[in-house]
Amino acid sequence: MFKGFGGPKKKSVLEDNELTTGIVQHPVTKRWQTWISFTGHDIQSITAHNQREDANNPHSALQFEV
């Protein structure tokens, strides 16, 4: 999971192969940001939207390959 980034600095609070996501409104820009965490300690912003409804569907802005 951390290949190329080194190991986590803290022990993960999530189970193996588990991740968590969420939505938060930025305090300055007021844009709705979607985020993802792989350990429960790290937060990575993925997308930013003017409307909360758009943030509820971030897959429309992302393309996944399996």
N, C-alpha and C. Protein backbone atom coordinates (compact mmCIF):
# COMPACT_ATOMS: atom_id res chain seq x y z
N MET A 1 0.82 -1.19 0.00
CA MET A 1 0.00 0.00 0.00
C MET A 1 0.86 1.25 0.00
N PHE A 2 1.99 1.24 0.67
CA PHE A 2 2.82 2.43 0.76
C PHE A 2 4.04 2.34 -0.14
N LYS A 3 4.02 1.44 -1.10
CA LYS A 3 5.15 1.26 -1.99
C LYS A 3 5.48 2.58 -2.68
N GLY A 4 6.72 2.98 -2.61
CA GLY A 4 7.16 4.22 -3.23
C GLY A 4 7.05 5.43 -2.32
N PHE A 5 6.35 5.30 -1.20
CA PHE A 5 6.17 6.41 -0.29
C PHE A 5 6.80 6.14 1.07
N GLY A 6 7.33 4.96 1.27
CA GLY A 6 7.84 4.59 2.58
C GLY A 6 6.71 4.12 3.48
N GLY A 7 7.03 3.60 4.62
CA GLY A 7 6.01 3.11 5.54
C GLY A 7 5.34 4.23 6.29
N PRO A 8 4.21 3.94 6.89
CA PRO A 8 3.51 4.96 7.66
C PRO A 8 4.28 5.32 8.92
N LYS A 9 4.23 6.57 9.32
CA LYS A 9 4.93 7.01 10.53
C LYS A 9 4.18 6.60 11.79
N LYS A 10 2.86 6.48 11.68
CA LYS A 10 2.03 6.03 12.80
C LYS A 10 1.34 4.74 12.41
N LYS A 11 1.02 3.95 13.41
CA LYS A 11 0.27 2.73 13.14
C LYS A 11 -1.12 3.09 12.64
N SER A 12 -1.55 2.45 11.59
CA SER A 12 -2.85 2.73 11.00
C SER A 12 -3.97 2.40 11.96
N VAL A 13 -4.98 3.25 11.99
CA VAL A 13 -6.17 2.96 12.79
C VAL A 13 -7.22 2.25 11.94
N LEU A 14 -6.93 2.07 10.65
CA LEU A 14 -7.82 1.36 9.75
C LEU A 14 -7.30 -0.06 9.54
N GLU A 15 -8.18 -0.94 9.16
CA GLU A 15 -7.80 -2.32 8.86
C GLU A 15 -7.04 -2.37 7.54
N ASP A 16 -6.37 -3.50 7.27
CA ASP A 16 -5.70 -3.68 5.99
C ASP A 16 -6.70 -3.53 4.86
N ASN A 17 -6.28 -2.90 3.79
CA ASN A 17 -7.11 -2.68 2.60
C ASN A 17 -8.38 -1.89 2.89
N GLU A 18 -8.37 -1.09 3.93
CA GLU A 18 -9.51 -0.24 4.27
C GLU A 18 -9.10 1.21 4.08
N LEU A 19 -10.03 2.03 3.61
CA LEU A 19 -9.80 3.46 3.50
C LEU A 19 -11.07 4.16 3.92
N THR A 20 -10.97 5.45 4.15
CA THR A 20 -12.14 6.24 4.52
C THR A 20 -12.13 7.54 3.73
N THR A 21 -13.31 8.07 3.49
CA THR A 21 -13.45 9.30 2.70
C THR A 21 -14.41 10.25 3.40
N GLY A 22 -14.41 11.50 2.97
CA GLY A 22 -15.32 12.47 3.56
C GLY A 22 -15.39 13.74 2.74
N ILE A 23 -16.24 14.64 3.21
CA ILE A 23 -16.44 15.94 2.57
C ILE A 23 -16.32 17.01 3.65
N VAL A 24 -15.61 18.10 3.33
CA VAL A 24 -15.45 19.20 4.27
C VAL A 24 -15.50 20.51 3.48
N GLN A 25 -16.04 21.55 4.11
CA GLN A 25 -16.04 22.87 3.45
C GLN A 25 -14.81 23.65 3.89
N HIS A 26 -14.05 24.12 2.91
CA HIS A 26 -12.84 24.88 3.18
C HIS A 26 -13.22 26.19 3.86
N PRO A 27 -12.56 26.57 4.97
CA PRO A 27 -12.96 27.76 5.71
C PRO A 27 -12.72 29.09 4.98
N VAL A 28 -11.80 29.13 4.05
CA VAL A 28 -11.50 30.37 3.34
C VAL A 28 -12.22 30.44 2.00
N THR A 29 -12.04 29.42 1.17
CA THR A 29 -12.62 29.44 -0.18
C THR A 29 -14.09 29.06 -0.19
N LYS A 30 -14.56 28.41 0.88
CA LYS A 30 -15.95 27.93 0.99
C LYS A 30 -16.29 26.85 -0.03
N ARG A 31 -15.27 26.31 -0.70
CA ARG A 31 -15.50 25.23 -1.64
C ARG A 31 -15.59 23.92 -0.88
N TRP A 32 -16.37 22.97 -1.39
CA TRP A 32 -16.53 21.66 -0.77
C TRP A 32 -15.45 20.74 -1.30
N GLN A 33 -14.64 20.20 -0.37
CA GLN A 33 -13.52 19.34 -0.75
C GLN A 33 -13.82 17.90 -0.35
N THR A 34 -13.54 16.98 -1.26
CA THR A 34 -13.59 15.56 -0.91
C THR A 34 -12.19 15.14 -0.51
N TRP A 35 -12.11 14.22 0.44
CA TRP A 35 -10.81 13.77 0.91
C TRP A 35 -10.82 12.25 1.07
N ILE A 36 -9.62 11.68 1.15
CA ILE A 36 -9.43 10.25 1.33
C ILE A 36 -8.31 10.03 2.34
N SER A 37 -8.42 8.98 3.14
CA SER A 37 -7.37 8.63 4.09
C SER A 37 -7.13 7.13 4.00
N PHE A 38 -5.86 6.75 3.92
CA PHE A 38 -5.49 5.34 3.84
C PHE A 38 -5.09 4.76 5.19
N THR A 39 -4.78 5.62 6.16
CA THR A 39 -4.34 5.12 7.48
C THR A 39 -5.22 5.62 8.62
N GLY A 40 -6.00 6.66 8.38
CA GLY A 40 -6.77 7.29 9.44
C GLY A 40 -6.04 8.48 10.02
N HIS A 41 -4.75 8.64 9.67
CA HIS A 41 -3.95 9.78 10.15
C HIS A 41 -3.66 10.76 9.02
N ASP A 42 -3.61 10.26 7.79
CA ASP A 42 -3.31 11.11 6.63
C ASP A 42 -4.61 11.56 5.98
N ILE A 43 -4.64 12.74 5.46
CA ILE A 43 -5.79 13.26 4.72
C ILE A 43 -5.27 13.82 3.41
N GLN A 44 -5.84 13.36 2.31
CA GLN A 44 -5.47 13.86 0.99
C GLN A 44 -6.72 14.43 0.34
N SER A 45 -6.65 15.68 -0.08
CA SER A 45 -7.77 16.29 -0.78
C SER A 45 -7.79 15.78 -2.21
N ILE A 46 -8.96 15.41 -2.69
CA ILE A 46 -9.07 14.84 -4.03
C ILE A 46 -9.66 15.84 -5.01
N THR A 47 -10.82 16.41 -4.64
CA THR A 47 -11.51 17.33 -5.54
C THR A 47 -12.04 18.52 -4.73
N ALA A 48 -12.38 19.59 -5.42
CA ALA A 48 -13.00 20.76 -4.78
C ALA A 48 -14.16 21.21 -5.66
N HIS A 49 -15.28 21.55 -5.03
CA HIS A 49 -16.51 21.88 -5.76
C HIS A 49 -17.17 23.11 -5.14
N ASN A 50 -17.87 23.87 -5.97
CA ASN A 50 -18.63 25.01 -5.47
C ASN A 50 -19.91 24.57 -4.78
N GLN A 51 -20.50 23.48 -5.24
CA GLN A 51 -21.77 22.98 -4.70
C GLN A 51 -21.54 21.68 -3.94
N ARG A 52 -22.15 21.56 -2.76
CA ARG A 52 -22.01 20.33 -1.97
C ARG A 52 -22.54 19.11 -2.74
N GLU A 53 -23.60 19.29 -3.51
CA GLU A 53 -24.16 18.18 -4.27
C GLU A 53 -23.13 17.58 -5.22
N ASP A 54 -22.29 18.45 -5.80
CA ASP A 54 -21.24 17.96 -6.69
C ASP A 54 -20.18 17.19 -5.92
N ALA A 55 -19.89 17.60 -4.70
CA ALA A 55 -18.90 16.92 -3.87
C ALA A 55 -19.40 15.54 -3.46
N ASN A 56 -20.71 15.34 -3.42
CA ASN A 56 -21.26 14.04 -3.08
C ASN A 56 -21.05 13.01 -4.18
N ASN A 57 -20.69 13.45 -5.37
CA ASN A 57 -20.46 12.57 -6.51
C ASN A 57 -19.07 12.80 -7.10
N PRO A 58 -18.00 12.60 -6.31
CA PRO A 58 -16.66 12.90 -6.84
C PRO A 58 -16.24 11.96 -7.96
N HIS A 59 -16.90 10.80 -8.08
CA HIS A 59 -16.52 9.87 -9.14
C HIS A 59 -16.71 10.48 -10.52
N SER A 60 -17.56 11.49 -10.63
CA SER A 60 -17.74 12.16 -11.92
C SER A 60 -16.48 12.93 -12.32
N ALA A 61 -15.66 13.32 -11.35
CA ALA A 61 -14.43 14.05 -11.64
C ALA A 61 -13.21 13.14 -11.69
N LEU A 62 -13.39 11.87 -11.30
CA LEU A 62 -12.27 10.93 -11.25
C LEU A 62 -12.47 9.82 -12.25
N GLN A 63 -11.36 9.29 -12.73
CA GLN A 63 -11.42 8.15 -13.62
C GLN A 63 -10.57 7.04 -13.03
N PHE A 64 -11.16 5.86 -12.85
CA PHE A 64 -10.47 4.74 -12.24
C PHE A 64 -10.20 3.67 -13.28
N GLU A 65 -9.05 3.03 -13.16
CA GLU A 65 -8.72 1.88 -13.99
C GLU A 65 -8.55 0.68 -13.08
N VAL A 66 -9.12 -0.42 -13.49
CA VAL A 66 -9.03 -1.65 -12.70
C VAL A 66 -8.10 -2.61 -13.36
